[in-house]
Amino acid sequence: MLELQTSSRAWRPIGQGRTNNDGRLETLLPQNIRLQPGVYRLTFDVATYFRSLRTTGFYPEVSIVFSVRDATQHYHIPLLLSPFGYTTYRGN
């Protein structure tokens, strides 16, 4: 799920999706919503992923909060995941 932080610091859902077999999300935002400068939260439901692998993970979900300063840029945010840890970075 992708959420945008409002001026009152609340989170407003703006998009969601499901990763494909390659672990990529093809479409996150609906066609009528454009990325804009602001603070976003991207939440991954990793518990469902680990259940599909018949394993148990420590984190049921992973939330990544990031800032968009230039909405014309491309934002690629990989999540590298193991049952007991994760890392992320801004890809290109």
PDB file of N, CA and C in Angstrom:
ATOM      1  N   MET A   1       0.847  -1.173   0.000  1.00  0.00           N
ATOM      2  CA  MET A   1       0.000   0.000   0.000  1.00  0.00           C
ATOM      3  C   MET A   1       0.889   1.232   0.000  1.00  0.00           C
ATOM      4  N   LEU A   2       0.487   2.237  -0.769  1.00  0.00           N
ATOM      5  CA  LEU A   2       1.187   3.515  -0.800  1.00  0.00           C
ATOM      6  C   LEU A   2       0.274   4.571  -0.199  1.00  0.00           C
ATOM      7  N   GLU A   3       0.840   5.340   0.737  1.00  0.00           N
ATOM      8  CA  GLU A   3       0.089   6.400   1.398  1.00  0.00           C
ATOM      9  C   GLU A   3       0.863   7.708   1.287  1.00  0.00           C
ATOM     10  N   LEU A   4       0.122   8.800   1.261  1.00  0.00           N
ATOM     11  CA  LEU A   4       0.690  10.142   1.233  1.00  0.00           C
ATOM     12  C   LEU A   4       0.390  10.811   2.572  1.00  0.00           C
ATOM     13  N   GLN A   5       1.398  11.460   3.139  1.00  0.00           N
ATOM     14  CA  GLN A   5       1.191  12.165   4.406  1.00  0.00           C
ATOM     15  C   GLN A   5       0.519  13.505   4.122  1.00  0.00           C
ATOM     16  N   THR A   6      -0.561  13.785   4.827  1.00  0.00           N
ATOM     17  CA  THR A   6      -1.305  15.027   4.641  1.00  0.00           C
ATOM     18  C   THR A   6      -0.673  16.144   5.467  1.00  0.00           C
ATOM     19  N   SER A   7      -1.172  17.355   5.300  1.00  0.00           N
ATOM     20  CA  SER A   7      -0.650  18.496   6.060  1.00  0.00           C
ATOM     21  C   SER A   7      -0.864  18.333   7.560  1.00  0.00           C
ATOM     22  N   SER A   8      -1.853  17.524   7.960  1.00  0.00           N
ATOM     23  CA  SER A   8      -2.081  17.269   9.386  1.00  0.00           C
ATOM     24  C   SER A   8      -1.277  16.053   9.876  1.00  0.00           C
ATOM     25  N   ARG A   9      -0.365  15.554   9.029  1.00  0.00           N
ATOM     26  CA  ARG A   9       0.520  14.426   9.328  1.00  0.00           C
ATOM     27  C   ARG A   9      -0.214  13.091   9.428  1.00  0.00           C
ATOM     28  N   ALA A  10      -1.447  13.043   8.941  1.00  0.00           N
ATOM     29  CA  ALA A  10      -2.184  11.781   8.837  1.00  0.00           C
ATOM     30  C   ALA A  10      -1.772  11.116   7.524  1.00  0.00           C
ATOM     31  N   TRP A  11      -2.061   9.825   7.388  1.00  0.00           N
ATOM     32  CA  TRP A  11      -1.727   9.091   6.166  1.00  0.00           C
ATOM     33  C   TRP A  11      -2.983   8.857   5.345  1.00  0.00           C
ATOM     34  N   ARG A  12      -2.910   9.179   4.059  1.00  0.00           N
ATOM     35  CA  ARG A  12      -4.036   8.974   3.136  1.00  0.00           C
ATOM     36  C   ARG A  12      -3.628   7.943   2.093  1.00  0.00           C
ATOM     37  N   PRO A  13      -4.334   6.789   2.037  1.00  0.00           N
ATOM     38  CA  PRO A  13      -4.016   5.779   1.021  1.00  0.00           C
ATOM     39  C   PRO A  13      -4.237   6.331  -0.382  1.00  0.00           C
ATOM     40  N   ILE A  14      -3.276   6.067  -1.273  1.00  0.00           N
ATOM     41  CA  ILE A  14      -3.425   6.533  -2.653  1.00  0.00           C
ATOM     42  C   ILE A  14      -3.183   5.428  -3.676  1.00  0.00           C
ATOM     43  N   GLY A  15      -2.653   4.293  -3.255  1.00  0.00           N
ATOM     44  CA  GLY A  15      -2.409   3.224  -4.217  1.00  0.00           C
ATOM     45  C   GLY A  15      -2.085   1.913  -3.538  1.00  0.00           C
ATOM     46  N   GLN A  16      -2.266   0.845  -4.280  1.00  0.00           N
ATOM     47  CA  GLN A  16      -1.904  -0.474  -3.772  1.00  0.00           C
ATOM     48  C   GLN A  16      -1.705  -1.415  -4.940  1.00  0.00           C
ATOM     49  N   GLY A  17      -1.065  -2.528  -4.667  1.00  0.00           N
ATOM     50  CA  GLY A  17      -0.822  -3.490  -5.726  1.00  0.00           C
ATOM     51  C   GLY A  17      -0.240  -4.764  -5.167  1.00  0.00           C
ATOM     52  N   ARG A  18       0.088  -5.668  -6.064  1.00  0.00           N
ATOM     53  CA  ARG A  18       0.648  -6.969  -5.697  1.00  0.00           C
ATOM     54  C   ARG A  18       1.862  -7.206  -6.588  1.00  0.00           C
ATOM     55  N   THR A  19       2.943  -7.664  -5.986  1.00  0.00           N
ATOM     56  CA  THR A  19       4.139  -7.930  -6.775  1.00  0.00           C
ATOM     57  C   THR A  19       3.928  -9.131  -7.687  1.00  0.00           C
ATOM     58  N   ASN A  20       4.644  -9.128  -8.802  1.00  0.00           N
ATOM     59  CA  ASN A  20       4.552 -10.247  -9.738  1.00  0.00           C
ATOM     60  C   ASN A  20       5.532 -11.354  -9.324  1.00  0.00           C
ATOM     61  N   ASN A  21       5.652 -12.386 -10.114  1.00  0.00           N
ATOM     62  CA  ASN A  21       6.534 -13.509  -9.785  1.00  0.00           C
ATOM     63  C   ASN A  21       8.003 -13.112  -9.730  1.00  0.00           C
ATOM     64  N   ASP A  22       8.340 -11.994 -10.353  1.00  0.00           N
ATOM     65  CA  ASP A  22       9.707 -11.484 -10.336  1.00  0.00           C
ATOM     66  C   ASP A  22       9.943 -10.551  -9.143  1.00  0.00           C
ATOM     67  N   GLY A  23       8.902 -10.354  -8.320  1.00  0.00           N
ATOM     68  CA  GLY A  23       9.026  -9.483  -7.149  1.00  0.00           C
ATOM     69  C   GLY A  23       8.873  -8.012  -7.461  1.00  0.00           C
ATOM     70  N   ARG A  24       8.368  -7.703  -8.630  1.00  0.00           N
ATOM     71  CA  ARG A  24       8.201  -6.302  -9.021  1.00  0.00           C
ATOM     72  C   ARG A  24       6.722  -5.925  -9.021  1.00  0.00           C
ATOM     73  N   LEU A  25       6.490  -4.659  -8.766  1.00  0.00           N
ATOM     74  CA  LEU A  25       5.139  -4.115  -8.773  1.00  0.00           C
ATOM     75  C   LEU A  25       4.999  -3.265 -10.026  1.00  0.00           C
ATOM     76  N   GLU A  26       4.190  -3.721 -10.958  1.00  0.00           N
ATOM     77  CA  GLU A  26       4.045  -3.034 -12.244  1.00  0.00           C
ATOM     78  C   GLU A  26       3.271  -1.720 -12.116  1.00  0.00           C
ATOM     79  N   THR A  27       2.201  -1.729 -11.351  1.00  0.00           N
ATOM     80  CA  THR A  27       1.349  -0.550 -11.220  1.00  0.00           C
ATOM     81  C   THR A  27       1.020  -0.333  -9.750  1.00  0.00           C
ATOM     82  N   LEU A  28       1.357   0.831  -9.235  1.00  0.00           N
ATOM     83  CA  LEU A  28       1.070   1.150  -7.843  1.00  0.00           C
ATOM     84  C   LEU A  28       0.032   2.254  -7.726  1.00  0.00           C
ATOM     85  N   LEU A  29       0.150   3.257  -8.569  1.00  0.00           N
ATOM     86  CA  LEU A  29      -0.791   4.380  -8.526  1.00  0.00           C
ATOM     87  C   LEU A  29      -1.891   4.208  -9.562  1.00  0.00           C
ATOM     88  N   PRO A  30      -3.125   4.538  -9.204  1.00  0.00           N
ATOM     89  CA  PRO A  30      -4.193   4.563 -10.210  1.00  0.00           C
ATOM     90  C   PRO A  30      -3.856   5.607 -11.277  1.00  0.00           C
ATOM     91  N   GLN A  31      -4.395   5.452 -12.475  1.00  0.00           N
ATOM     92  CA  GLN A  31      -4.076   6.361 -13.582  1.00  0.00           C
ATOM     93  C   GLN A  31      -4.449   7.805 -13.298  1.00  0.00           C
ATOM     94  N   ASN A  32      -5.442   8.034 -12.447  1.00  0.00           N
ATOM     95  CA  ASN A  32      -5.901   9.404 -12.180  1.00  0.00           C
ATOM     96  C   ASN A  32      -5.101  10.099 -11.071  1.00  0.00           C
ATOM     97  N   ILE A  33      -4.105   9.436 -10.502  1.00  0.00           N
ATOM     98  CA  ILE A  33      -3.293  10.031  -9.438  1.00  0.00           C
ATOM     99  C   ILE A  33      -1.855  10.149  -9.915  1.00  0.00           C
ATOM    100  N   ARG A  34      -1.303  11.339  -9.788  1.00  0.00           N
ATOM    101  CA  ARG A  34       0.081  11.604 -10.171  1.00  0.00           C
ATOM    102  C   ARG A  34       0.927  11.793  -8.911  1.00  0.00           C
ATOM    103  N   LEU A  35       2.159  11.331  -8.976  1.00  0.00           N
ATOM    104  CA  LEU A  35       3.105  11.546  -7.888  1.00  0.00           C
ATOM    105  C   LEU A  35       3.333  13.046  -7.736  1.00  0.00           C
ATOM    106  N   GLN A  36       3.398  13.517  -6.510  1.00  0.00           N
ATOM    107  CA  GLN A  36       3.631  14.922  -6.230  1.00  0.00           C
ATOM    108  C   GLN A  36       4.659  15.029  -5.106  1.00  0.00           C
ATOM    109  N   PRO A  37       5.296  16.177  -4.937  1.00  0.00           N
ATOM    110  CA  PRO A  37       6.225  16.316  -3.821  1.00  0.00           C
ATOM    111  C   PRO A  37       5.508  16.061  -2.495  1.00  0.00           C
ATOM    112  N   GLY A  38       6.185  15.371  -1.593  1.00  0.00           N
ATOM    113  CA  GLY A  38       5.596  15.070  -0.294  1.00  0.00           C
ATOM    114  C   GLY A  38       6.286  13.899   0.369  1.00  0.00           C
ATOM    115  N   VAL A  39       5.715  13.473   1.482  1.00  0.00           N
ATOM    116  CA  VAL A  39       6.229  12.335   2.242  1.00  0.00           C
ATOM    117  C   VAL A  39       5.279  11.164   2.023  1.00  0.00           C
ATOM    118  N   TYR A  40       5.851  10.013   1.690  1.00  0.00           N
ATOM    119  CA  TYR A  40       5.081   8.820   1.361  1.00  0.00           C
ATOM    120  C   TYR A  40       5.463   7.672   2.288  1.00  0.00           C
ATOM    121  N   ARG A  41       4.525   6.751   2.450  1.00  0.00           N
ATOM    122  CA  ARG A  41       4.795   5.516   3.194  1.00  0.00           C
ATOM    123  C   ARG A  41       4.372   4.346   2.307  1.00  0.00           C
ATOM    124  N   LEU A  42       5.320   3.465   2.052  1.00  0.00           N
ATOM    125  CA  LEU A  42       5.095   2.258   1.264  1.00  0.00           C
ATOM    126  C   LEU A  42       5.154   1.077   2.222  1.00  0.00           C
ATOM    127  N   THR A  43       4.057   0.328   2.330  1.00  0.00           N
ATOM    128  CA  THR A  43       3.974  -0.784   3.279  1.00  0.00           C
ATOM    129  C   THR A  43       3.842  -2.093   2.517  1.00  0.00           C
ATOM    130  N   PHE A  44       4.741  -3.017   2.846  1.00  0.00           N
ATOM    131  CA  PHE A  44       4.750  -4.346   2.242  1.00  0.00           C
ATOM    132  C   PHE A  44       4.181  -5.362   3.225  1.00  0.00           C
ATOM    133  N   ASP A  45       3.238  -6.159   2.797  1.00  0.00           N
ATOM    134  CA  ASP A  45       2.684  -7.260   3.600  1.00  0.00           C
ATOM    135  C   ASP A  45       3.590  -8.470   3.406  1.00  0.00           C
ATOM    136  N   VAL A  46       4.630  -8.573   4.227  1.00  0.00           N
ATOM    137  CA  VAL A  46       5.594  -9.657   4.033  1.00  0.00           C
ATOM    138  C   VAL A  46       5.140 -10.955   4.696  1.00  0.00           C
ATOM    139  N   ALA A  47       4.212 -10.901   5.635  1.00  0.00           N
ATOM    140  CA  ALA A  47       3.703 -12.125   6.261  1.00  0.00           C
ATOM    141  C   ALA A  47       3.040 -13.023   5.224  1.00  0.00           C
ATOM    142  N   THR A  48       2.260 -12.438   4.338  1.00  0.00           N
ATOM    143  CA  THR A  48       1.604 -13.218   3.286  1.00  0.00           C
ATOM    144  C   THR A  48       2.640 -13.846   2.352  1.00  0.00           C
ATOM    145  N   TYR A  49       3.681 -13.087   2.039  1.00  0.00           N
ATOM    146  CA  TYR A  49       4.753 -13.614   1.193  1.00  0.00           C
ATOM    147  C   TYR A  49       5.422 -14.823   1.852  1.00  0.00           C
ATOM    148  N   PHE A  50       5.780 -14.707   3.123  1.00  0.00           N
ATOM    149  CA  PHE A  50       6.447 -15.819   3.797  1.00  0.00           C
ATOM    150  C   PHE A  50       5.525 -17.034   3.949  1.00  0.00           C
ATOM    151  N   ARG A  51       4.231 -16.789   4.166  1.00  0.00           N
ATOM    152  CA  ARG A  51       3.283 -17.915   4.219  1.00  0.00           C
ATOM    153  C   ARG A  51       3.264 -18.665   2.895  1.00  0.00           C
ATOM    154  N   SER A  52       3.363 -17.931   1.798  1.00  0.00           N
ATOM    155  CA  SER A  52       3.358 -18.588   0.485  1.00  0.00           C
ATOM    156  C   SER A  52       4.602 -19.458   0.297  1.00  0.00           C
ATOM    157  N   LEU A  53       5.666 -19.149   1.016  1.00  0.00           N
ATOM    158  CA  LEU A  53       6.897 -19.941   0.973  1.00  0.00           C
ATOM    159  C   LEU A  53       6.935 -21.015   2.059  1.00  0.00           C
ATOM    160  N   ARG A  54       5.864 -21.061   2.840  1.00  0.00           N
ATOM    161  CA  ARG A  54       5.760 -21.999   3.971  1.00  0.00           C
ATOM    162  C   ARG A  54       6.898 -21.814   4.970  1.00  0.00           C
ATOM    163  N   THR A  55       7.151 -20.545   5.264  1.00  0.00           N
ATOM    164  CA  THR A  55       8.148 -20.204   6.271  1.00  0.00           C
ATOM    165  C   THR A  55       7.586 -19.080   7.139  1.00  0.00           C
ATOM    166  N   THR A  56       8.230 -18.812   8.235  1.00  0.00           N
ATOM    167  CA  THR A  56       7.782 -17.772   9.154  1.00  0.00           C
ATOM    168  C   THR A  56       8.825 -16.674   9.198  1.00  0.00           C
ATOM    169  N   GLY A  57       8.368 -15.459   9.062  1.00  0.00           N
ATOM    170  CA  GLY A  57       9.262 -14.315   9.156  1.00  0.00           C
ATOM    171  C   GLY A  57       9.041 -13.581  10.464  1.00  0.00           C
ATOM    172  N   PHE A  58      10.014 -12.792  10.844  1.00  0.00           N
ATOM    173  CA  PHE A  58       9.944 -12.026  12.082  1.00  0.00           C
ATOM    174  C   PHE A  58       9.059 -10.786  11.935  1.00  0.00           C
ATOM    175  N   TYR A  59       9.113 -10.151  10.778  1.00  0.00           N
ATOM    176  CA  TYR A  59       8.353  -8.922  10.533  1.00  0.00           C
ATOM    177  C   TYR A  59       7.095  -9.236   9.721  1.00  0.00           C
ATOM    178  N   PRO A  60       5.909  -8.951  10.243  1.00  0.00           N
ATOM    179  CA  PRO A  60       4.688  -9.194   9.473  1.00  0.00           C
ATOM    180  C   PRO A  60       4.502  -8.188   8.336  1.00  0.00           C
ATOM    181  N   GLU A  61       5.049  -6.993   8.507  1.00  0.00           N
ATOM    182  CA  GLU A  61       5.008  -6.002   7.441  1.00  0.00           C
ATOM    183  C   GLU A  61       6.236  -5.106   7.547  1.00  0.00           C
ATOM    184  N   VAL A  62       6.553  -4.473   6.430  1.00  0.00           N
ATOM    185  CA  VAL A  62       7.681  -3.545   6.379  1.00  0.00           C
ATOM    186  C   VAL A  62       7.159  -2.246   5.796  1.00  0.00           C
ATOM    187  N   SER A  63       7.364  -1.144   6.517  1.00  0.00           N
ATOM    188  CA  SER A  63       6.962   0.180   6.041  1.00  0.00           C
ATOM    189  C   SER A  63       8.202   1.012   5.764  1.00  0.00           C
ATOM    190  N   ILE A  64       8.211   1.639   4.600  1.00  0.00           N
ATOM    191  CA  ILE A  64       9.314   2.498   4.194  1.00  0.00           C
ATOM    192  C   ILE A  64       8.742   3.894   3.993  1.00  0.00           C
ATOM    193  N   VAL A  65       9.251   4.855   4.753  1.00  0.00           N
ATOM    194  CA  VAL A  65       8.810   6.243   4.636  1.00  0.00           C
ATOM    195  C   VAL A  65       9.895   6.996   3.862  1.00  0.00           C
ATOM    196  N   PHE A  66       9.481   7.727   2.835  1.00  0.00           N
ATOM    197  CA  PHE A  66      10.451   8.433   1.998  1.00  0.00           C
ATOM    198  C   PHE A  66       9.864   9.752   1.505  1.00  0.00           C
ATOM    199  N   SER A  67      10.759  10.656   1.091  1.00  0.00           N
ATOM    200  CA  SER A  67      10.363  11.973   0.592  1.00  0.00           C
ATOM    201  C   SER A  67      10.530  12.047  -0.909  1.00  0.00           C
ATOM    202  N   VAL A  68       9.556  12.633  -1.560  1.00  0.00           N
ATOM    203  CA  VAL A  68       9.638  12.938  -2.980  1.00  0.00           C
ATOM    204  C   VAL A  68       9.785  14.449  -3.095  1.00  0.00           C
ATOM    205  N   ARG A  69      10.919  14.879  -3.616  1.00  0.00           N
ATOM    206  CA  ARG A  69      11.141  16.310  -3.806  1.00  0.00           C
ATOM    207  C   ARG A  69      10.846  16.728  -5.249  1.00  0.00           C
ATOM    208  N   ASP A  70      11.194  15.855  -6.185  1.00  0.00           N
ATOM    209  CA  ASP A  70      10.999  16.128  -7.606  1.00  0.00           C
ATOM    210  C   ASP A  70      10.117  15.019  -8.185  1.00  0.00           C
ATOM    211  N   ALA A  71       8.869  15.345  -8.420  1.00  0.00           N
ATOM    212  CA  ALA A  71       7.898  14.339  -8.884  1.00  0.00           C
ATOM    213  C   ALA A  71       8.138  13.903 -10.326  1.00  0.00           C
ATOM    214  N   THR A  72       9.026  14.564 -11.050  1.00  0.00           N
ATOM    215  CA  THR A  72       9.324  14.145 -12.419  1.00  0.00           C
ATOM    216  C   THR A  72      10.370  13.030 -12.445  1.00  0.00           C
ATOM    217  N   GLN A  73      11.031  12.781 -11.329  1.00  0.00           N
ATOM    218  CA  GLN A  73      12.043  11.729 -11.235  1.00  0.00           C
ATOM    219  C   GLN A  73      11.380  10.351 -11.188  1.00  0.00           C
ATOM    220  N   HIS A  74      12.159   9.331 -11.485  1.00  0.00           N
ATOM    221  CA  HIS A  74      11.715   7.944 -11.361  1.00  0.00           C
ATOM    222  C   HIS A  74      12.085   7.458  -9.962  1.00  0.00           C
ATOM    223  N   TYR A  75      11.150   6.811  -9.276  1.00  0.00           N
ATOM    224  CA  TYR A  75      11.412   6.296  -7.926  1.00  0.00           C
ATOM    225  C   TYR A  75      11.271   4.776  -7.936  1.00  0.00           C
ATOM    226  N   HIS A  76      12.385   4.122  -7.689  1.00  0.00           N
ATOM    227  CA  HIS A  76      12.460   2.663  -7.618  1.00  0.00           C
ATOM    228  C   HIS A  76      12.954   2.345  -6.212  1.00  0.00           C
ATOM    229  N   ILE A  77      12.138   1.663  -5.408  1.00  0.00           N
ATOM    230  CA  ILE A  77      12.466   1.421  -4.004  1.00  0.00           C
ATOM    231  C   ILE A  77      12.456  -0.082  -3.744  1.00  0.00           C
ATOM    232  N   PRO A  78      13.595  -0.734  -3.944  1.00  0.00           N
ATOM    233  CA  PRO A  78      13.677  -2.180  -3.712  1.00  0.00           C
ATOM    234  C   PRO A  78      13.608  -2.520  -2.225  1.00  0.00           C
ATOM    235  N   LEU A  79      13.015  -3.656  -1.943  1.00  0.00           N
ATOM    236  CA  LEU A  79      13.017  -4.226  -0.593  1.00  0.00           C
ATOM    237  C   LEU A  79      13.705  -5.576  -0.699  1.00  0.00           C
ATOM    238  N   LEU A  80      14.845  -5.706  -0.047  1.00  0.00           N
ATOM    239  CA  LEU A  80      15.575  -6.973  -0.004  1.00  0.00           C
ATOM    240  C   LEU A  80      15.221  -7.623   1.321  1.00  0.00           C
ATOM    241  N   LEU A  81      14.710  -8.842   1.262  1.00  0.00           N
ATOM    242  CA  LEU A  81      14.034  -9.436   2.412  1.00  0.00           C
ATOM    243  C   LEU A  81      14.567 -10.825   2.735  1.00  0.00           C
ATOM    244  N   SER A  82      14.712 -11.086   4.014  1.00  0.00           N
ATOM    245  CA  SER A  82      14.968 -12.437   4.513  1.00  0.00           C
ATOM    246  C   SER A  82      14.018 -12.643   5.689  1.00  0.00           C
ATOM    247  N   PRO A  83      13.876 -13.849   6.208  1.00  0.00           N
ATOM    248  CA  PRO A  83      12.919 -14.059   7.301  1.00  0.00           C
ATOM    249  C   PRO A  83      13.197 -13.216   8.546  1.00  0.00           C
ATOM    250  N   PHE A  84      14.439 -12.790   8.758  1.00  0.00           N
ATOM    251  CA  PHE A  84      14.751 -12.069   9.994  1.00  0.00           C
ATOM    252  C   PHE A  84      15.409 -10.724   9.761  1.00  0.00           C
ATOM    253  N   GLY A  85      15.292 -10.182   8.574  1.00  0.00           N
ATOM    254  CA  GLY A  85      15.862  -8.870   8.306  1.00  0.00           C
ATOM    255  C   GLY A  85      15.466  -8.366   6.933  1.00  0.00           C
ATOM    256  N   TYR A  86      15.701  -7.077   6.723  1.00  0.00           N
ATOM    257  CA  TYR A  86      15.441  -6.479   5.420  1.00  0.00           C
ATOM    258  C   TYR A  86      16.314  -5.242   5.256  1.00  0.00           C
ATOM    259  N   THR A  87      16.471  -4.833   4.019  1.00  0.00           N
ATOM    260  CA  THR A  87      17.155  -3.591   3.699  1.00  0.00           C
ATOM    261  C   THR A  87      16.483  -2.983   2.483  1.00  0.00           C
ATOM    262  N   THR A  88      16.663  -1.693   2.320  1.00  0.00           N
ATOM    263  CA  THR A  88      16.074  -0.992   1.187  1.00  0.00           C
ATOM    264  C   THR A  88      16.982   0.160   0.785  1.00  0.00           C
ATOM    265  N   TYR A  89      16.767   0.667  -0.401  1.00  0.00           N
ATOM    266  CA  TYR A  89      17.548   1.783  -0.908  1.00  0.00           C
ATOM    267  C   TYR A  89      16.789   2.398  -2.066  1.00  0.00           C
ATOM    268  N   ARG A  90      17.223   3.571  -2.506  1.00  0.00           N
ATOM    269  CA  ARG A  90      16.606   4.152  -3.688  1.00  0.00           C
ATOM    270  C   ARG A  90      17.370   3.661  -4.908  1.00  0.00           C
ATOM    271  N   GLY A  91      16.712   2.869  -5.698  1.00  0.00           N
ATOM    272  CA  GLY A  91      17.335   2.340  -6.908  1.00  0.00           C
ATOM    273  C   GLY A  91      17.194   3.325  -8.055  1.00  0.00           C
ATOM    274  N   ASN A  92      17.608   2.886  -9.220  1.00  0.00           N
ATOM    275  CA  ASN A  92      17.476   3.755 -10.394  1.00  0.00           C
ATOM    276  C   ASN A  92      16.801   3.034 -11.525  1.00  0.00           C
TER     277      ASN A  92
END
